[in-house]
N, C-alpha and C. Protein backbone atom coordinates (compact mmCIF):
# COMPACT_ATOMS: atom_id res chain seq x y z
N MET A 1 15.02 -5.63 49.57
CA MET A 1 14.44 -6.71 48.79
C MET A 1 13.20 -6.22 48.05
N LYS A 2 12.39 -5.41 48.76
CA LYS A 2 11.17 -4.90 48.17
C LYS A 2 11.48 -4.00 46.98
N LYS A 3 12.54 -3.18 47.11
CA LYS A 3 12.94 -2.28 46.01
C LYS A 3 13.37 -3.09 44.79
N LEU A 4 14.08 -4.18 45.02
CA LEU A 4 14.54 -5.03 43.93
C LEU A 4 13.35 -5.67 43.21
N LEU A 5 12.36 -6.11 43.96
CA LEU A 5 11.16 -6.71 43.37
C LEU A 5 10.39 -5.70 42.55
N VAL A 6 10.25 -4.48 43.07
CA VAL A 6 9.55 -3.41 42.34
C VAL A 6 10.32 -3.06 41.07
N ALA A 7 11.64 -2.95 41.17
CA ALA A 7 12.46 -2.61 40.00
C ALA A 7 12.37 -3.71 38.94
N GLY A 8 12.39 -4.96 39.36
CA GLY A 8 12.29 -6.08 38.42
C GLY A 8 10.95 -6.12 37.73
N THR A 9 9.88 -5.89 38.48
CA THR A 9 8.54 -5.86 37.90
C THR A 9 8.40 -4.71 36.91
N LEU A 10 8.92 -3.55 37.28
CA LEU A 10 8.87 -2.39 36.39
C LEU A 10 9.65 -2.65 35.11
N ALA A 11 10.80 -3.28 35.22
CA ALA A 11 11.60 -3.60 34.04
C ALA A 11 10.85 -4.55 33.10
N LEU A 12 10.18 -5.54 33.67
CA LEU A 12 9.41 -6.48 32.86
C LEU A 12 8.24 -5.78 32.16
N LEU A 13 7.55 -4.93 32.87
CA LEU A 13 6.42 -4.21 32.29
C LEU A 13 6.86 -3.28 31.18
N LEU A 14 7.93 -2.53 31.42
CA LEU A 14 8.42 -1.61 30.40
C LEU A 14 9.05 -2.35 29.24
N GLY A 15 9.66 -3.47 29.49
CA GLY A 15 10.26 -4.28 28.42
C GLY A 15 9.21 -4.78 27.46
N GLY A 16 8.03 -5.11 27.97
CA GLY A 16 6.95 -5.59 27.12
C GLY A 16 6.38 -4.49 26.25
N CYS A 17 6.57 -3.24 26.62
CA CYS A 17 6.03 -2.10 25.86
C CYS A 17 7.03 -1.57 24.85
N ALA A 18 8.21 -2.11 24.83
CA ALA A 18 9.24 -1.59 23.94
C ALA A 18 8.83 -1.75 22.49
N SER A 19 9.14 -0.73 21.71
CA SER A 19 8.84 -0.78 20.28
C SER A 19 10.13 -1.10 19.53
N PRO A 20 10.00 -1.57 18.29
CA PRO A 20 11.21 -1.92 17.56
C PRO A 20 12.09 -0.69 17.32
N GLU A 21 13.37 -0.92 17.29
CA GLU A 21 14.34 0.15 17.06
C GLU A 21 14.68 0.24 15.58
N VAL A 22 15.01 1.43 15.16
CA VAL A 22 15.44 1.65 13.78
C VAL A 22 16.81 1.02 13.61
N GLN A 23 16.97 0.21 12.57
CA GLN A 23 18.26 -0.41 12.27
C GLN A 23 19.11 0.60 11.50
N VAL A 24 20.35 0.82 11.92
CA VAL A 24 21.21 1.85 11.34
C VAL A 24 22.49 1.24 10.81
N GLN A 25 22.84 1.60 9.58
CA GLN A 25 24.14 1.24 9.01
C GLN A 25 24.81 2.56 8.65
N LEU A 26 25.74 3.02 9.50
CA LEU A 26 26.40 4.30 9.26
C LEU A 26 27.30 4.23 8.04
N LEU A 27 27.24 5.26 7.21
CA LEU A 27 28.09 5.37 6.03
C LEU A 27 29.18 6.40 6.25
N ARG A 28 29.03 7.24 7.27
CA ARG A 28 30.02 8.25 7.64
C ARG A 28 29.74 8.67 9.07
N SER A 29 30.58 9.49 9.63
CA SER A 29 30.37 9.96 11.00
C SER A 29 29.10 10.80 11.08
N PRO A 30 28.34 10.63 12.17
CA PRO A 30 27.14 11.45 12.33
C PRO A 30 27.49 12.93 12.36
N MET A 31 26.54 13.76 11.97
CA MET A 31 26.72 15.21 11.95
C MET A 31 25.89 15.80 13.10
N VAL A 32 25.83 17.12 13.19
CA VAL A 32 25.04 17.80 14.21
C VAL A 32 23.56 17.54 13.93
N ALA A 33 22.80 17.23 14.99
CA ALA A 33 21.37 16.92 14.85
C ALA A 33 20.63 18.07 14.18
N LYS A 34 19.65 17.72 13.37
CA LYS A 34 18.84 18.69 12.64
C LYS A 34 17.42 18.70 13.20
N PRO A 35 16.73 19.87 13.17
CA PRO A 35 15.38 19.95 13.72
C PRO A 35 14.30 19.44 12.77
N PHE A 36 14.59 19.36 11.48
CA PHE A 36 13.58 19.00 10.49
C PHE A 36 14.19 18.08 9.45
N VAL A 37 13.44 17.05 9.05
CA VAL A 37 13.89 16.11 8.02
C VAL A 37 12.86 16.08 6.90
N GLU A 38 13.31 16.34 5.70
CA GLU A 38 12.44 16.28 4.52
C GLU A 38 12.36 14.83 4.04
N VAL A 39 11.15 14.38 3.71
CA VAL A 39 10.96 13.02 3.22
C VAL A 39 10.87 13.06 1.70
N LEU A 40 11.81 12.39 1.04
CA LEU A 40 11.84 12.32 -0.42
C LEU A 40 11.50 10.91 -0.87
N ARG A 41 10.86 10.78 -2.00
CA ARG A 41 10.52 9.47 -2.55
C ARG A 41 11.50 9.05 -3.65
N GLN A 42 12.34 9.98 -4.07
CA GLN A 42 13.34 9.66 -5.10
C GLN A 42 14.62 10.45 -4.83
N ILE A 43 15.67 10.10 -5.53
CA ILE A 43 16.97 10.75 -5.34
C ILE A 43 16.84 12.23 -5.72
N PRO A 44 17.36 13.15 -4.89
CA PRO A 44 17.24 14.57 -5.21
C PRO A 44 18.12 14.96 -6.40
N ASP A 45 17.75 16.06 -7.06
CA ASP A 45 18.52 16.58 -8.19
C ASP A 45 19.79 17.28 -7.72
N ARG A 46 19.79 17.72 -6.48
CA ARG A 46 20.92 18.46 -5.93
C ARG A 46 21.97 17.48 -5.37
N PRO A 47 23.21 17.93 -5.25
CA PRO A 47 24.23 17.07 -4.62
C PRO A 47 23.89 16.85 -3.14
N TYR A 48 24.24 15.68 -2.64
CA TYR A 48 23.98 15.37 -1.23
C TYR A 48 25.06 14.46 -0.69
N ILE A 49 25.09 14.34 0.64
CA ILE A 49 26.05 13.47 1.33
C ILE A 49 25.25 12.38 2.03
N SER A 50 25.59 11.12 1.77
CA SER A 50 24.93 9.99 2.44
C SER A 50 25.48 9.83 3.84
N ILE A 51 24.59 9.71 4.81
CA ILE A 51 25.01 9.55 6.21
C ILE A 51 24.81 8.12 6.69
N ALA A 52 23.62 7.55 6.41
CA ALA A 52 23.34 6.20 6.92
C ALA A 52 22.20 5.57 6.14
N LYS A 53 22.15 4.25 6.21
CA LYS A 53 21.02 3.48 5.70
C LYS A 53 20.19 3.10 6.92
N LEU A 54 18.88 3.32 6.84
CA LEU A 54 17.98 3.07 7.96
C LEU A 54 16.88 2.11 7.53
N SER A 55 16.41 1.29 8.44
CA SER A 55 15.28 0.42 8.13
C SER A 55 14.50 0.13 9.41
N LEU A 56 13.18 -0.03 9.22
CA LEU A 56 12.31 -0.33 10.36
C LEU A 56 11.05 -1.00 9.84
N SER A 57 10.63 -2.05 10.55
CA SER A 57 9.38 -2.75 10.25
C SER A 57 8.52 -2.72 11.49
N GLY A 58 7.21 -2.70 11.28
CA GLY A 58 6.27 -2.74 12.39
C GLY A 58 5.50 -4.04 12.37
N THR A 59 4.51 -4.11 13.22
CA THR A 59 3.63 -5.27 13.23
C THR A 59 2.36 -4.92 12.47
N ALA A 60 1.58 -5.93 12.13
CA ALA A 60 0.33 -5.69 11.43
C ALA A 60 -0.53 -4.73 12.24
N GLY A 61 -1.09 -3.75 11.57
CA GLY A 61 -1.92 -2.77 12.25
C GLY A 61 -1.19 -1.52 12.66
N THR A 62 0.14 -1.52 12.60
CA THR A 62 0.90 -0.32 12.91
C THR A 62 0.71 0.68 11.78
N ALA A 63 0.47 1.92 12.12
CA ALA A 63 0.29 2.96 11.11
C ALA A 63 1.63 3.25 10.43
N PRO A 64 1.64 3.30 9.10
CA PRO A 64 2.89 3.63 8.40
C PRO A 64 3.49 4.96 8.87
N ALA A 65 2.65 5.92 9.23
CA ALA A 65 3.15 7.22 9.69
C ALA A 65 4.02 7.08 10.95
N GLN A 66 3.70 6.11 11.81
CA GLN A 66 4.51 5.88 13.02
C GLN A 66 5.90 5.38 12.63
N ILE A 67 5.95 4.47 11.67
CA ILE A 67 7.24 3.92 11.23
C ILE A 67 8.09 5.03 10.60
N ILE A 68 7.46 5.81 9.72
CA ILE A 68 8.18 6.89 9.03
C ILE A 68 8.67 7.93 10.04
N ALA A 69 7.85 8.27 11.02
CA ALA A 69 8.24 9.25 12.04
C ALA A 69 9.46 8.79 12.82
N LYS A 70 9.52 7.50 13.17
CA LYS A 70 10.69 6.97 13.89
C LYS A 70 11.95 7.06 13.03
N ILE A 71 11.80 6.76 11.74
CA ILE A 71 12.95 6.86 10.83
C ILE A 71 13.40 8.32 10.72
N GLU A 72 12.45 9.24 10.62
CA GLU A 72 12.78 10.67 10.56
C GLU A 72 13.53 11.12 11.81
N GLN A 73 13.05 10.69 12.98
CA GLN A 73 13.70 11.07 14.24
C GLN A 73 15.14 10.57 14.30
N LYS A 74 15.35 9.32 13.87
CA LYS A 74 16.71 8.76 13.90
C LYS A 74 17.60 9.50 12.91
N ALA A 75 17.07 9.80 11.72
CA ALA A 75 17.85 10.52 10.71
C ALA A 75 18.23 11.91 11.23
N ALA A 76 17.30 12.60 11.87
CA ALA A 76 17.57 13.93 12.42
C ALA A 76 18.68 13.86 13.47
N ALA A 77 18.63 12.82 14.31
CA ALA A 77 19.65 12.65 15.36
C ALA A 77 21.03 12.40 14.76
N LEU A 78 21.07 11.83 13.56
CA LEU A 78 22.35 11.55 12.89
C LEU A 78 22.85 12.76 12.09
N GLY A 79 22.03 13.82 12.02
CA GLY A 79 22.44 15.02 11.31
C GLY A 79 21.91 15.12 9.89
N ALA A 80 21.00 14.25 9.52
CA ALA A 80 20.42 14.31 8.17
C ALA A 80 19.36 15.40 8.11
N ASN A 81 19.23 16.04 6.95
CA ASN A 81 18.14 16.99 6.77
C ASN A 81 17.13 16.47 5.74
N ALA A 82 17.34 15.22 5.28
CA ALA A 82 16.40 14.58 4.36
C ALA A 82 16.61 13.07 4.41
N ILE A 83 15.57 12.35 4.01
CA ILE A 83 15.69 10.90 3.82
C ILE A 83 15.09 10.55 2.47
N ILE A 84 15.67 9.55 1.83
CA ILE A 84 15.10 8.98 0.61
C ILE A 84 14.39 7.71 1.07
N LEU A 85 13.07 7.73 1.03
CA LEU A 85 12.25 6.68 1.62
C LEU A 85 11.78 5.66 0.59
N HIS A 86 11.88 4.38 0.95
CA HIS A 86 11.42 3.28 0.09
C HIS A 86 10.46 2.41 0.90
N ASN A 87 9.26 2.23 0.38
CA ASN A 87 8.25 1.41 1.04
C ASN A 87 8.49 -0.06 0.69
N THR A 88 8.79 -0.88 1.69
CA THR A 88 9.03 -2.32 1.48
C THR A 88 7.99 -3.15 2.23
N SER A 89 6.82 -2.55 2.49
CA SER A 89 5.74 -3.24 3.21
C SER A 89 5.28 -4.46 2.43
N ARG A 90 4.72 -5.42 3.16
CA ARG A 90 4.21 -6.63 2.50
C ARG A 90 2.83 -6.95 3.08
N THR A 91 2.06 -7.67 2.31
CA THR A 91 0.73 -8.06 2.74
C THR A 91 0.73 -9.54 3.10
N GLU A 92 0.25 -9.83 4.30
CA GLU A 92 0.12 -11.21 4.74
C GLU A 92 -1.23 -11.72 4.23
N ALA A 93 -1.22 -12.83 3.54
CA ALA A 93 -2.44 -13.37 2.93
C ALA A 93 -3.46 -13.77 3.99
N PRO A 94 -4.74 -13.68 3.65
CA PRO A 94 -5.77 -14.14 4.59
C PRO A 94 -5.72 -15.66 4.70
N ASN A 95 -6.17 -16.17 5.82
CA ASN A 95 -6.20 -17.62 5.97
C ASN A 95 -7.37 -18.04 6.86
N LEU A 96 -7.66 -19.31 6.81
CA LEU A 96 -8.76 -19.91 7.55
C LEU A 96 -8.15 -20.90 8.53
N ASN A 97 -8.45 -20.72 9.81
CA ASN A 97 -7.91 -21.60 10.85
C ASN A 97 -9.05 -22.33 11.56
N PHE A 98 -8.82 -23.60 11.84
CA PHE A 98 -9.79 -24.37 12.62
C PHE A 98 -9.42 -24.28 14.08
N ASN A 99 -10.37 -23.95 14.92
CA ASN A 99 -10.17 -23.87 16.35
C ASN A 99 -10.73 -25.14 16.98
N PRO A 100 -9.86 -26.12 17.36
CA PRO A 100 -10.34 -27.39 17.88
C PRO A 100 -11.06 -27.26 19.23
N SER A 101 -10.71 -26.27 20.03
CA SER A 101 -11.36 -26.15 21.33
C SER A 101 -12.81 -25.70 21.20
N GLY A 102 -13.11 -24.91 20.20
CA GLY A 102 -14.48 -24.44 20.01
C GLY A 102 -15.18 -25.14 18.87
N GLY A 103 -14.43 -25.86 18.07
CA GLY A 103 -15.00 -26.57 16.94
C GLY A 103 -15.49 -25.65 15.84
N ASN A 104 -14.89 -24.47 15.75
CA ASN A 104 -15.30 -23.55 14.69
C ASN A 104 -14.08 -23.04 13.91
N TYR A 105 -14.37 -22.37 12.83
CA TYR A 105 -13.32 -21.80 12.00
C TYR A 105 -13.18 -20.31 12.28
N GLN A 106 -11.95 -19.86 12.18
CA GLN A 106 -11.67 -18.43 12.34
C GLN A 106 -11.04 -17.94 11.05
N ILE A 107 -11.55 -16.83 10.54
CA ILE A 107 -11.01 -16.25 9.32
C ILE A 107 -10.13 -15.07 9.71
N ARG A 108 -8.90 -15.12 9.26
CA ARG A 108 -7.99 -14.00 9.50
C ARG A 108 -7.87 -13.24 8.19
N THR A 109 -8.19 -11.97 8.20
CA THR A 109 -8.15 -11.16 6.99
C THR A 109 -6.71 -10.82 6.62
N ALA A 110 -6.54 -10.36 5.39
CA ALA A 110 -5.21 -9.94 4.93
C ALA A 110 -4.74 -8.75 5.78
N GLU A 111 -3.47 -8.75 6.14
CA GLU A 111 -2.92 -7.67 6.95
C GLU A 111 -1.65 -7.13 6.29
N VAL A 112 -1.49 -5.84 6.39
CA VAL A 112 -0.28 -5.20 5.85
C VAL A 112 0.74 -5.08 6.97
N ILE A 113 1.95 -5.54 6.70
CA ILE A 113 3.07 -5.41 7.63
C ILE A 113 3.90 -4.23 7.13
N PRO A 114 3.84 -3.08 7.82
CA PRO A 114 4.57 -1.90 7.33
C PRO A 114 6.08 -2.06 7.52
N SER A 115 6.81 -1.72 6.48
CA SER A 115 8.26 -1.82 6.50
C SER A 115 8.83 -0.76 5.56
N TYR A 116 9.84 -0.05 6.03
CA TYR A 116 10.44 1.01 5.22
C TYR A 116 11.96 0.97 5.34
N ASN A 117 12.62 1.26 4.23
CA ASN A 117 14.06 1.47 4.18
C ASN A 117 14.26 2.92 3.77
N ALA A 118 15.32 3.53 4.28
CA ALA A 118 15.60 4.92 3.92
C ALA A 118 17.09 5.16 3.91
N GLU A 119 17.48 6.15 3.14
CA GLU A 119 18.86 6.61 3.17
C GLU A 119 18.83 8.00 3.79
N ALA A 120 19.50 8.15 4.93
CA ALA A 120 19.60 9.45 5.60
C ALA A 120 20.66 10.26 4.88
N ILE A 121 20.29 11.45 4.43
CA ILE A 121 21.22 12.27 3.65
C ILE A 121 21.27 13.70 4.18
N TYR A 122 22.35 14.39 3.83
CA TYR A 122 22.48 15.82 4.12
C TYR A 122 22.59 16.53 2.79
N ILE A 123 21.67 17.47 2.55
CA ILE A 123 21.71 18.28 1.34
C ILE A 123 22.24 19.66 1.75
N PRO A 124 23.46 20.00 1.30
CA PRO A 124 24.02 21.31 1.67
C PRO A 124 23.16 22.44 1.08
N PRO A 125 23.17 23.59 1.75
CA PRO A 125 22.42 24.72 1.22
C PRO A 125 22.97 25.13 -0.15
N ALA A 126 22.08 25.64 -1.00
CA ALA A 126 22.49 26.08 -2.34
C ALA A 126 23.40 27.30 -2.21
N PRO A 127 24.45 27.35 -3.04
CA PRO A 127 25.35 28.52 -2.97
C PRO A 127 24.59 29.79 -3.39
N ARG A 128 24.95 30.89 -2.77
CA ARG A 128 24.26 32.16 -3.08
C ARG A 128 25.01 32.95 -4.10
């Protein structure tokens, strides 16, 4: 019984720490995992193979680099050696809230909600 209680408590604690998962829409079968993923901001000039569409959003205050790193890791696991990254972040407007328990106003500043979409691609090596 004690083991079950400890396991349940641990599951609840770890569940609360879970971060959002990268959303994946596979366009073809995954390839062999790659050790490095190049981040592109536009479509490459070279021919490439599309592997998957990826997307991930964070919460306000999350560093964009964390979101991009998670997308890169997922793309590498799918066999991509590059991603075409699109920033879809949005800014939440500032607002003024009245706190009835304290009788005062609270000002919430504008916050950026980081969000990125990417296309995981494989760029074959150039012919020699």
